[in-house]
Amino acid sequence: MREKLILLICRNHFKSIPQALDIFLCAVDWSNPEHIRETYNLLKDWKSPPFEECITFLDAHHADEVIRLYGVERISKMADDELKLYMVKNLFFHSLFF
């Protein structure tokens, strides 16, 4: 709980760290409209994470439509070959894992 509070307090610093976006989104109180509004505003200024990390914005941990749309928009900017390579690598990993 303390870590979430620190992350929320220091959010303006963390928006320059692309990898912190997913962690920040998990710390947001999605039942609080003010927190949601603030998150949407921060999302506009947050340094874009790598395409591979944006795929996580489509999973069950991020049910908010705006966050999912952000993920889709980022992924759509990937080159087709890059996306294919990522998908093959991911499929290979999951086949080994299971």
PDB file of N, CA and C in Angstrom:
ATOM      1  N   MET A   1       0.828  -1.197   0.000  1.00  0.00           N
ATOM      2  CA  MET A   1       0.000   0.000   0.000  1.00  0.00           C
ATOM      3  C   MET A   1       0.873   1.262   0.000  1.00  0.00           C
ATOM      4  N   ARG A   2       1.941   1.221   0.787  1.00  0.00           N
ATOM      5  CA  ARG A   2       2.834   2.378   0.888  1.00  0.00           C
ATOM      6  C   ARG A   2       3.493   2.668  -0.458  1.00  0.00           C
ATOM      7  N   GLU A   3       3.873   1.592  -1.187  1.00  0.00           N
ATOM      8  CA  GLU A   3       4.516   1.755  -2.492  1.00  0.00           C
ATOM      9  C   GLU A   3       3.573   2.436  -3.486  1.00  0.00           C
ATOM     10  N   LYS A   4       2.287   2.063  -3.437  1.00  0.00           N
ATOM     11  CA  LYS A   4       1.301   2.691  -4.328  1.00  0.00           C
ATOM     12  C   LYS A   4       1.174   4.179  -4.030  1.00  0.00           C
ATOM     13  N   LEU A   5       1.169   4.516  -2.767  1.00  0.00           N
ATOM     14  CA  LEU A   5       1.065   5.918  -2.365  1.00  0.00           C
ATOM     15  C   LEU A   5       2.271   6.717  -2.860  1.00  0.00           C
ATOM     16  N   ILE A   6       3.459   6.157  -2.703  1.00  0.00           N
ATOM     17  CA  ILE A   6       4.674   6.839  -3.175  1.00  0.00           C
ATOM     18  C   ILE A   6       4.611   7.027  -4.681  1.00  0.00           C
ATOM     19  N   LEU A   7       4.172   6.000  -5.393  1.00  0.00           N
ATOM     20  CA  LEU A   7       4.068   6.081  -6.851  1.00  0.00           C
ATOM     21  C   LEU A   7       3.084   7.169  -7.266  1.00  0.00           C
ATOM     22  N   LEU A   8       1.957   7.240  -6.581  1.00  0.00           N
ATOM     23  CA  LEU A   8       0.955   8.256  -6.921  1.00  0.00           C
ATOM     24  C   LEU A   8       1.445   9.666  -6.603  1.00  0.00           C
ATOM     25  N   ILE A   9       2.163   9.813  -5.511  1.00  0.00           N
ATOM     26  CA  ILE A   9       2.683  11.125  -5.129  1.00  0.00           C
ATOM     27  C   ILE A   9       3.753  11.589  -6.118  1.00  0.00           C
ATOM     28  N   CYS A  10       4.583  10.674  -6.572  1.00  0.00           N
ATOM     29  CA  CYS A  10       5.706  11.006  -7.464  1.00  0.00           C
ATOM     30  C   CYS A  10       5.378  10.782  -8.942  1.00  0.00           C
ATOM     31  N   ARG A  11       4.117  10.727  -9.293  1.00  0.00           N
ATOM     32  CA  ARG A  11       3.702  10.384 -10.649  1.00  0.00           C
ATOM     33  C   ARG A  11       4.283  11.299 -11.716  1.00  0.00           C
ATOM     34  N   ASN A  12       4.444  12.565 -11.405  1.00  0.00           N
ATOM     35  CA  ASN A  12       4.993  13.489 -12.404  1.00  0.00           C
ATOM     36  C   ASN A  12       6.460  13.189 -12.708  1.00  0.00           C
ATOM     37  N   HIS A  13       7.175  12.667 -11.751  1.00  0.00           N
ATOM     38  CA  HIS A  13       8.552  12.244 -11.993  1.00  0.00           C
ATOM     39  C   HIS A  13       8.568  10.959 -12.828  1.00  0.00           C
ATOM     40  N   PHE A  14       7.708  10.022 -12.488  1.00  0.00           N
ATOM     41  CA  PHE A  14       7.720   8.717 -13.146  1.00  0.00           C
ATOM     42  C   PHE A  14       7.232   8.760 -14.587  1.00  0.00           C
ATOM     43  N   LYS A  15       6.529   9.812 -14.990  1.00  0.00           N
ATOM     44  CA  LYS A  15       6.012   9.855 -16.362  1.00  0.00           C
ATOM     45  C   LYS A  15       7.122   9.981 -17.396  1.00  0.00           C
ATOM     46  N   SER A  16       8.338  10.238 -16.945  1.00  0.00           N
ATOM     47  CA  SER A  16       9.485  10.250 -17.854  1.00  0.00           C
ATOM     48  C   SER A  16      10.116   8.858 -17.984  1.00  0.00           C
ATOM     49  N   ILE A  17       9.595   7.898 -17.236  1.00  0.00           N
ATOM     50  CA  ILE A  17      10.110   6.522 -17.270  1.00  0.00           C
ATOM     51  C   ILE A  17       9.052   5.636 -17.921  1.00  0.00           C
ATOM     52  N   PRO A  18       9.248   5.252 -19.181  1.00  0.00           N
ATOM     53  CA  PRO A  18       8.218   4.500 -19.909  1.00  0.00           C
ATOM     54  C   PRO A  18       7.786   3.207 -19.211  1.00  0.00           C
ATOM     55  N   GLN A  19       8.731   2.492 -18.615  1.00  0.00           N
ATOM     56  CA  GLN A  19       8.410   1.214 -17.977  1.00  0.00           C
ATOM     57  C   GLN A  19       7.565   1.370 -16.719  1.00  0.00           C
ATOM     58  N   ALA A  20       7.454   2.574 -16.191  1.00  0.00           N
ATOM     59  CA  ALA A  20       6.677   2.804 -14.972  1.00  0.00           C
ATOM     60  C   ALA A  20       5.183   2.945 -15.248  1.00  0.00           C
ATOM     61  N   LEU A  21       4.805   3.092 -16.516  1.00  0.00           N
ATOM     62  CA  LEU A  21       3.388   3.320 -16.827  1.00  0.00           C
ATOM     63  C   LEU A  21       2.514   2.152 -16.392  1.00  0.00           C
ATOM     64  N   ASP A  22       2.918   0.942 -16.705  1.00  0.00           N
ATOM     65  CA  ASP A  22       2.113  -0.232 -16.337  1.00  0.00           C
ATOM     66  C   ASP A  22       1.965  -0.328 -14.820  1.00  0.00           C
ATOM     67  N   ILE A  23       3.035  -0.074 -14.100  1.00  0.00           N
ATOM     68  CA  ILE A  23       2.996  -0.128 -12.626  1.00  0.00           C
ATOM     69  C   ILE A  23       2.083   0.977 -12.096  1.00  0.00           C
ATOM     70  N   PHE A  24       2.206   2.165 -12.667  1.00  0.00           N
ATOM     71  CA  PHE A  24       1.349   3.273 -12.243  1.00  0.00           C
ATOM     72  C   PHE A  24      -0.120   2.946 -12.473  1.00  0.00           C
ATOM     73  N   LEU A  25      -0.445   2.387 -13.634  1.00  0.00           N
ATOM     74  CA  LEU A  25      -1.847   2.069 -13.944  1.00  0.00           C
ATOM     75  C   LEU A  25      -2.426   1.053 -12.968  1.00  0.00           C
ATOM     76  N   CYS A  26      -1.587   0.164 -12.474  1.00  0.00           N
ATOM     77  CA  CYS A  26      -2.055  -0.812 -11.476  1.00  0.00           C
ATOM     78  C   CYS A  26      -2.293  -0.166 -10.115  1.00  0.00           C
ATOM     79  N   ALA A  27      -1.669   0.982  -9.874  1.00  0.00           N
ATOM     80  CA  ALA A  27      -1.815   1.675  -8.589  1.00  0.00           C
ATOM     81  C   ALA A  27      -3.005   2.626  -8.558  1.00  0.00           C
ATOM     82  N   VAL A  28      -3.590   2.917  -9.714  1.00  0.00           N
ATOM     83  CA  VAL A  28      -4.698   3.874  -9.796  1.00  0.00           C
ATOM     84  C   VAL A  28      -5.966   3.285  -9.169  1.00  0.00           C
ATOM     85  N   ASP A  29      -6.685   4.115  -8.439  1.00  0.00           N
ATOM     86  CA  ASP A  29      -7.993   3.725  -7.898  1.00  0.00           C
ATOM     87  C   ASP A  29      -9.029   3.993  -8.990  1.00  0.00           C
ATOM     88  N   TRP A  30      -9.397   2.955  -9.718  1.00  0.00           N
ATOM     89  CA  TRP A  30     -10.283   3.099 -10.875  1.00  0.00           C
ATOM     90  C   TRP A  30     -11.733   3.339 -10.477  1.00  0.00           C
ATOM     91  N   SER A  31     -12.034   3.337  -9.196  1.00  0.00           N
ATOM     92  CA  SER A  31     -13.388   3.660  -8.755  1.00  0.00           C
ATOM     93  C   SER A  31     -13.529   5.144  -8.426  1.00  0.00           C
ATOM     94  N   ASN A  32     -12.429   5.884  -8.484  1.00  0.00           N
ATOM     95  CA  ASN A  32     -12.421   7.300  -8.160  1.00  0.00           C
ATOM     96  C   ASN A  32     -12.347   8.120  -9.458  1.00  0.00           C
ATOM     97  N   PRO A  33     -13.426   8.818  -9.825  1.00  0.00           N
ATOM     98  CA  PRO A  33     -13.446   9.593 -11.076  1.00  0.00           C
ATOM     99  C   PRO A  33     -12.318  10.622 -11.186  1.00  0.00           C
ATOM    100  N   GLU A  34     -11.941  11.232 -10.076  1.00  0.00           N
ATOM    101  CA  GLU A  34     -10.860  12.220 -10.109  1.00  0.00           C
ATOM    102  C   GLU A  34      -9.523  11.557 -10.455  1.00  0.00           C
ATOM    103  N   HIS A  35      -9.279  10.374  -9.895  1.00  0.00           N
ATOM    104  CA  HIS A  35      -8.051   9.637 -10.210  1.00  0.00           C
ATOM    105  C   HIS A  35      -8.038   9.227 -11.674  1.00  0.00           C
ATOM    106  N   ILE A  36      -9.171   8.835 -12.185  1.00  0.00           N
ATOM    107  CA  ILE A  36      -9.271   8.430 -13.586  1.00  0.00           C
ATOM    108  C   ILE A  36      -8.973   9.618 -14.494  1.00  0.00           C
ATOM    109  N   ARG A  37      -9.560  10.754 -14.212  1.00  0.00           N
ATOM    110  CA  ARG A  37      -9.308  11.964 -15.003  1.00  0.00           C
ATOM    111  C   ARG A  37      -7.820  12.331 -14.996  1.00  0.00           C
ATOM    112  N   GLU A  38      -7.224  12.289 -13.823  1.00  0.00           N
ATOM    113  CA  GLU A  38      -5.797  12.597 -13.687  1.00  0.00           C
ATOM    114  C   GLU A  38      -4.949  11.597 -14.477  1.00  0.00           C
ATOM    115  N   THR A  39      -5.346  10.339 -14.444  1.00  0.00           N
ATOM    116  CA  THR A  39      -4.615   9.307 -15.184  1.00  0.00           C
ATOM    117  C   THR A  39      -4.674   9.568 -16.678  1.00  0.00           C
ATOM    118  N   TYR A  40      -5.841   9.913 -17.179  1.00  0.00           N
ATOM    119  CA  TYR A  40      -5.979  10.219 -18.606  1.00  0.00           C
ATOM    120  C   TYR A  40      -5.103  11.400 -19.003  1.00  0.00           C
ATOM    121  N   ASN A  41      -5.045  12.423 -18.154  1.00  0.00           N
ATOM    122  CA  ASN A  41      -4.201  13.589 -18.440  1.00  0.00           C
ATOM    123  C   ASN A  41      -2.717  13.214 -18.425  1.00  0.00           C
ATOM    124  N   LEU A  42      -2.322  12.394 -17.470  1.00  0.00           N
ATOM    125  CA  LEU A  42      -0.926  11.960 -17.398  1.00  0.00           C
ATOM    126  C   LEU A  42      -0.553  11.086 -18.591  1.00  0.00           C
ATOM    127  N   LEU A  43      -1.492  10.296 -19.055  1.00  0.00           N
ATOM    128  CA  LEU A  43      -1.239   9.387 -20.170  1.00  0.00           C
ATOM    129  C   LEU A  43      -0.796  10.154 -21.415  1.00  0.00           C
ATOM    130  N   LYS A  44      -1.340  11.339 -21.599  1.00  0.00           N
ATOM    131  CA  LYS A  44      -0.985  12.170 -22.761  1.00  0.00           C
ATOM    132  C   LYS A  44       0.480  12.598 -22.719  1.00  0.00           C
ATOM    133  N   ASP A  45       1.003  12.806 -21.518  1.00  0.00           N
ATOM    134  CA  ASP A  45       2.370  13.302 -21.358  1.00  0.00           C
ATOM    135  C   ASP A  45       3.385  12.216 -21.028  1.00  0.00           C
ATOM    136  N   TRP A  46       2.907  10.999 -20.730  1.00  0.00           N
ATOM    137  CA  TRP A  46       3.801   9.923 -20.318  1.00  0.00           C
ATOM    138  C   TRP A  46       4.685   9.520 -21.498  1.00  0.00           C
ATOM    139  N   LYS A  47       5.950   9.320 -21.246  1.00  0.00           N
ATOM    140  CA  LYS A  47       6.862   8.861 -22.291  1.00  0.00           C
ATOM    141  C   LYS A  47       6.424   7.455 -22.735  1.00  0.00           C
ATOM    142  N   SER A  48       6.247   7.291 -24.023  1.00  0.00           N
ATOM    143  CA  SER A  48       5.680   6.051 -24.558  1.00  0.00           C
ATOM    144  C   SER A  48       6.544   4.832 -24.250  1.00  0.00           C
ATOM    145  N   PRO A  49       5.918   3.799 -23.691  1.00  0.00           N
ATOM    146  CA  PRO A  49       6.662   2.564 -23.430  1.00  0.00           C
ATOM    147  C   PRO A  49       6.903   1.805 -24.734  1.00  0.00           C
ATOM    148  N   PRO A  50       7.824   0.848 -24.714  1.00  0.00           N
ATOM    149  CA  PRO A  50       8.060   0.036 -25.906  1.00  0.00           C
ATOM    150  C   PRO A  50       6.774  -0.683 -26.340  1.00  0.00           C
ATOM    151  N   PHE A  51       6.694  -0.970 -27.624  1.00  0.00           N
ATOM    152  CA  PHE A  51       5.498  -1.617 -28.162  1.00  0.00           C
ATOM    153  C   PHE A  51       5.152  -2.901 -27.404  1.00  0.00           C
ATOM    154  N   GLU A  52       6.173  -3.691 -27.083  1.00  0.00           N
ATOM    155  CA  GLU A  52       5.935  -4.982 -26.417  1.00  0.00           C
ATOM    156  C   GLU A  52       5.223  -4.810 -25.078  1.00  0.00           C
ATOM    157  N   GLU A  53       5.551  -3.740 -24.375  1.00  0.00           N
ATOM    158  CA  GLU A  53       4.912  -3.494 -23.080  1.00  0.00           C
ATOM    159  C   GLU A  53       3.465  -3.037 -23.248  1.00  0.00           C
ATOM    160  N   CYS A  54       3.161  -2.415 -24.366  1.00  0.00           N
ATOM    161  CA  CYS A  54       1.797  -1.931 -24.600  1.00  0.00           C
ATOM    162  C   CYS A  54       0.813  -3.072 -24.799  1.00  0.00           C
ATOM    163  N   ILE A  55       1.308  -4.240 -25.140  1.00  0.00           N
ATOM    164  CA  ILE A  55       0.430  -5.405 -25.287  1.00  0.00           C
ATOM    165  C   ILE A  55      -0.208  -5.751 -23.947  1.00  0.00           C
ATOM    166  N   THR A  56       0.492  -5.476 -22.850  1.00  0.00           N
ATOM    167  CA  THR A  56      -0.076  -5.776 -21.526  1.00  0.00           C
ATOM    168  C   THR A  56      -1.281  -4.893 -21.210  1.00  0.00           C
ATOM    169  N   PHE A  57      -1.419  -3.769 -21.919  1.00  0.00           N
ATOM    170  CA  PHE A  57      -2.573  -2.898 -21.684  1.00  0.00           C
ATOM    171  C   PHE A  57      -3.862  -3.507 -22.213  1.00  0.00           C
ATOM    172  N   LEU A  58      -3.761  -4.623 -22.897  1.00  0.00           N
ATOM    173  CA  LEU A  58      -4.943  -5.293 -23.447  1.00  0.00           C
ATOM    174  C   LEU A  58      -5.382  -6.469 -22.587  1.00  0.00           C
ATOM    175  N   ASP A  59      -4.660  -6.765 -21.508  1.00  0.00           N
ATOM    176  CA  ASP A  59      -5.034  -7.916 -20.684  1.00  0.00           C
ATOM    177  C   ASP A  59      -6.075  -7.545 -19.629  1.00  0.00           C
ATOM    178  N   ALA A  60      -6.444  -8.508 -18.835  1.00  0.00           N
ATOM    179  CA  ALA A  60      -7.530  -8.333 -17.860  1.00  0.00           C
ATOM    180  C   ALA A  60      -7.201  -7.334 -16.751  1.00  0.00           C
ATOM    181  N   HIS A  61      -5.938  -7.047 -16.530  1.00  0.00           N
ATOM    182  CA  HIS A  61      -5.565  -6.092 -15.475  1.00  0.00           C
ATOM    183  C   HIS A  61      -5.916  -4.655 -15.835  1.00  0.00           C
ATOM    184  N   HIS A  62      -6.142  -4.417 -17.113  1.00  0.00           N
ATOM    185  CA  HIS A  62      -6.438  -3.066 -17.577  1.00  0.00           C
ATOM    186  C   HIS A  62      -7.776  -3.084 -18.325  1.00  0.00           C
ATOM    187  N   ALA A  63      -8.842  -3.000 -17.577  1.00  0.00           N
ATOM    188  CA  ALA A  63     -10.182  -3.084 -18.169  1.00  0.00           C
ATOM    189  C   ALA A  63     -10.682  -1.749 -18.711  1.00  0.00           C
ATOM    190  N   ASP A  64     -10.007  -0.671 -18.385  1.00  0.00           N
ATOM    191  CA  ASP A  64     -10.451   0.654 -18.810  1.00  0.00           C
ATOM    192  C   ASP A  64     -10.295   0.802 -20.325  1.00  0.00           C
ATOM    193  N   GLU A  65     -11.330   1.300 -20.975  1.00  0.00           N
ATOM    194  CA  GLU A  65     -11.342   1.418 -22.440  1.00  0.00           C
ATOM    195  C   GLU A  65     -10.278   2.375 -22.964  1.00  0.00           C
ATOM    196  N   VAL A  66     -10.036   3.456 -22.269  1.00  0.00           N
ATOM    197  CA  VAL A  66      -9.047   4.436 -22.722  1.00  0.00           C
ATOM    198  C   VAL A  66      -7.640   3.827 -22.675  1.00  0.00           C
ATOM    199  N   ILE A  67      -7.356   3.076 -21.643  1.00  0.00           N
ATOM    200  CA  ILE A  67      -6.047   2.426 -21.517  1.00  0.00           C
ATOM    201  C   ILE A  67      -5.882   1.378 -22.615  1.00  0.00           C
ATOM    202  N   ARG A  68      -6.923   0.604 -22.870  1.00  0.00           N
ATOM    203  CA  ARG A  68      -6.861  -0.394 -23.939  1.00  0.00           C
ATOM    204  C   ARG A  68      -6.680   0.271 -25.299  1.00  0.00           C
ATOM    205  N   LEU A  69      -7.376   1.366 -25.529  1.00  0.00           N
ATOM    206  CA  LEU A  69      -7.234   2.089 -26.787  1.00  0.00           C
ATOM    207  C   LEU A  69      -5.806   2.620 -26.947  1.00  0.00           C
ATOM    208  N   TYR A  70      -5.235   3.120 -25.864  1.00  0.00           N
ATOM    209  CA  TYR A  70      -3.848   3.577 -25.889  1.00  0.00           C
ATOM    210  C   TYR A  70      -2.930   2.425 -26.319  1.00  0.00           C
ATOM    211  N   GLY A  71      -3.146   1.249 -25.745  1.00  0.00           N
ATOM    212  CA  GLY A  71      -2.349   0.075 -26.118  1.00  0.00           C
ATOM    213  C   GLY A  71      -2.507  -0.279 -27.584  1.00  0.00           C
ATOM    214  N   VAL A  72      -3.734  -0.270 -28.073  1.00  0.00           N
ATOM    215  CA  VAL A  72      -3.997  -0.592 -29.480  1.00  0.00           C
ATOM    216  C   VAL A  72      -3.332   0.432 -30.395  1.00  0.00           C
ATOM    217  N   GLU A  73      -3.428   1.707 -30.048  1.00  0.00           N
ATOM    218  CA  GLU A  73      -2.810   2.751 -30.867  1.00  0.00           C
ATOM    219  C   GLU A  73      -1.294   2.587 -30.939  1.00  0.00           C
ATOM    220  N   ARG A  74      -0.686   2.261 -29.813  1.00  0.00           N
ATOM    221  CA  ARG A  74       0.774   2.062 -29.793  1.00  0.00           C
ATOM    222  C   ARG A  74       1.155   0.824 -30.605  1.00  0.00           C
ATOM    223  N   ILE A  75       0.413  -0.263 -30.431  1.00  0.00           N
ATOM    224  CA  ILE A  75       0.733  -1.501 -31.144  1.00  0.00           C
ATOM    225  C   ILE A  75       0.542  -1.320 -32.647  1.00  0.00           C
ATOM    226  N   SER A  76      -0.448  -0.542 -33.033  1.00  0.00           N
ATOM    227  CA  SER A  76      -0.717  -0.344 -34.462  1.00  0.00           C
ATOM    228  C   SER A  76       0.424   0.386 -35.163  1.00  0.00           C
ATOM    229  N   LYS A  77       1.308   1.012 -34.404  1.00  0.00           N
ATOM    230  CA  LYS A  77       2.449   1.702 -34.994  1.00  0.00           C
ATOM    231  C   LYS A  77       3.643   0.766 -35.230  1.00  0.00           C
ATOM    232  N   MET A  78       3.527  -0.475 -34.756  1.00  0.00           N
ATOM    233  CA  MET A  78       4.592  -1.452 -34.983  1.00  0.00           C
ATOM    234  C   MET A  78       4.619  -1.851 -36.454  1.00  0.00           C
ATOM    235  N   ALA A  79       5.792  -2.094 -36.956  1.00  0.00           N
ATOM    236  CA  ALA A  79       5.916  -2.632 -38.305  1.00  0.00           C
ATOM    237  C   ALA A  79       5.384  -4.070 -38.289  1.00  0.00           C
ATOM    238  N   ASP A  80       4.791  -4.510 -39.378  1.00  0.00           N
ATOM    239  CA  ASP A  80       4.225  -5.850 -39.455  1.00  0.00           C
ATOM    240  C   ASP A  80       5.267  -6.926 -39.131  1.00  0.00           C
ATOM    241  N   ASP A  81       6.477  -6.770 -39.656  1.00  0.00           N
ATOM    242  CA  ASP A  81       7.527  -7.759 -39.406  1.00  0.00           C
ATOM    243  C   ASP A  81       7.905  -7.808 -37.927  1.00  0.00           C
ATOM    244  N   GLU A  82       7.925  -6.650 -37.300  1.00  0.00           N
ATOM    245  CA  GLU A  82       8.249  -6.577 -35.875  1.00  0.00           C
ATOM    246  C   GLU A  82       7.157  -7.265 -35.041  1.00  0.00           C
ATOM    247  N   LEU A  83       5.906  -7.042 -35.408  1.00  0.00           N
ATOM    248  CA  LEU A  83       4.795  -7.671 -34.702  1.00  0.00           C
ATOM    249  C   LEU A  83       4.824  -9.184 -34.899  1.00  0.00           C
ATOM    250  N   LYS A  84       5.096  -9.631 -36.100  1.00  0.00           N
ATOM    251  CA  LYS A  84       5.188 -11.079 -36.374  1.00  0.00           C
ATOM    252  C   LYS A  84       6.300 -11.709 -35.537  1.00  0.00           C
ATOM    253  N   LEU A  85       7.439 -11.051 -35.503  1.00  0.00           N
ATOM    254  CA  LEU A  85       8.564 -11.568 -34.724  1.00  0.00           C
ATOM    255  C   LEU A  85       8.201 -11.657 -33.246  1.00  0.00           C
ATOM    256  N   TYR A  86       7.552 -10.641 -32.731  1.00  0.00           N
ATOM    257  CA  TYR A  86       7.130 -10.651 -31.331  1.00  0.00           C
ATOM    258  C   TYR A  86       6.150 -11.792 -31.062  1.00  0.00           C
ATOM    259  N   MET A  87       5.190 -11.967 -31.969  1.00  0.00           N
ATOM    260  CA  MET A  87       4.177 -13.009 -31.778  1.00  0.00           C
ATOM    261  C   MET A  87       4.806 -14.407 -31.830  1.00  0.00           C
ATOM    262  N   VAL A  88       5.740 -14.626 -32.736  1.00  0.00           N
ATOM    263  CA  VAL A  88       6.418 -15.922 -32.820  1.00  0.00           C
ATOM    264  C   VAL A  88       7.213 -16.177 -31.549  1.00  0.00           C
ATOM    265  N   LYS A  89       7.929 -15.157 -31.093  1.00  0.00           N
ATOM    266  CA  LYS A  89       8.708 -15.295 -29.861  1.00  0.00           C
ATOM    267  C   LYS A  89       7.794 -15.590 -28.671  1.00  0.00           C
ATOM    268  N   ASN A  90       6.678 -14.909 -28.605  1.00  0.00           N
ATOM    269  CA  ASN A  90       5.722 -15.101 -27.514  1.00  0.00           C
ATOM    270  C   ASN A  90       5.089 -16.494 -27.575  1.00  0.00           C
ATOM    271  N   LEU A  91       4.735 -16.931 -28.759  1.00  0.00           N
ATOM    272  CA  LEU A  91       4.160 -18.263 -28.940  1.00  0.00           C
ATOM    273  C   LEU A  91       5.154 -19.333 -28.529  1.00  0.00           C
ATOM    274  N   PHE A  92       6.409 -19.168 -28.925  1.00  0.00           N
ATOM    275  CA  PHE A  92       7.464 -20.108 -28.556  1.00  0.00           C
ATOM    276  C   PHE A  92       7.624 -20.171 -27.036  1.00  0.00           C
ATOM    277  N   PHE A  93       7.652 -19.018 -26.388  1.00  0.00           N
ATOM    278  CA  PHE A  93       7.792 -18.963 -24.929  1.00  0.00           C
ATOM    279  C   PHE A  93       6.633 -19.692 -24.249  1.00  0.00           C
ATOM    280  N   HIS A  94       5.409 -19.439 -24.701  1.00  0.00           N
ATOM    281  CA  HIS A  94       4.242 -20.069 -24.079  1.00  0.00           C
ATOM    282  C   HIS A  94       4.215 -21.571 -24.328  1.00  0.00           C
ATOM    283  N   SER A  95       4.708 -22.006 -25.466  1.00  0.00           N
ATOM    284  CA  SER A  95       4.737 -23.451 -25.720  1.00  0.00           C
ATOM    285  C   SER A  95       5.746 -24.131 -24.799  1.00  0.00           C
ATOM    286  N   LEU A  96       6.843 -23.455 -24.485  1.00  0.00           N
ATOM    287  CA  LEU A  96       7.810 -24.006 -23.538  1.00  0.00           C
ATOM    288  C   LEU A  96       7.293 -23.957 -22.104  1.00  0.00           C
ATOM    289  N   PHE A  97       6.567 -22.919 -21.796  1.00  0.00           N
ATOM    290  CA  PHE A  97       6.054 -22.724 -20.440  1.00  0.00           C
ATOM    291  C   PHE A  97       4.986 -23.756 -20.089  1.00  0.00           C
ATOM    292  N   PHE A  98       4.147 -24.087 -21.046  1.00  0.00           N
ATOM    293  CA  PHE A  98       3.070 -25.028 -20.784  1.00  0.00           C
ATOM    294  C   PHE A  98       3.462 -26.368 -21.294  1.00  0.00           C
TER     295      PHE A  98
END
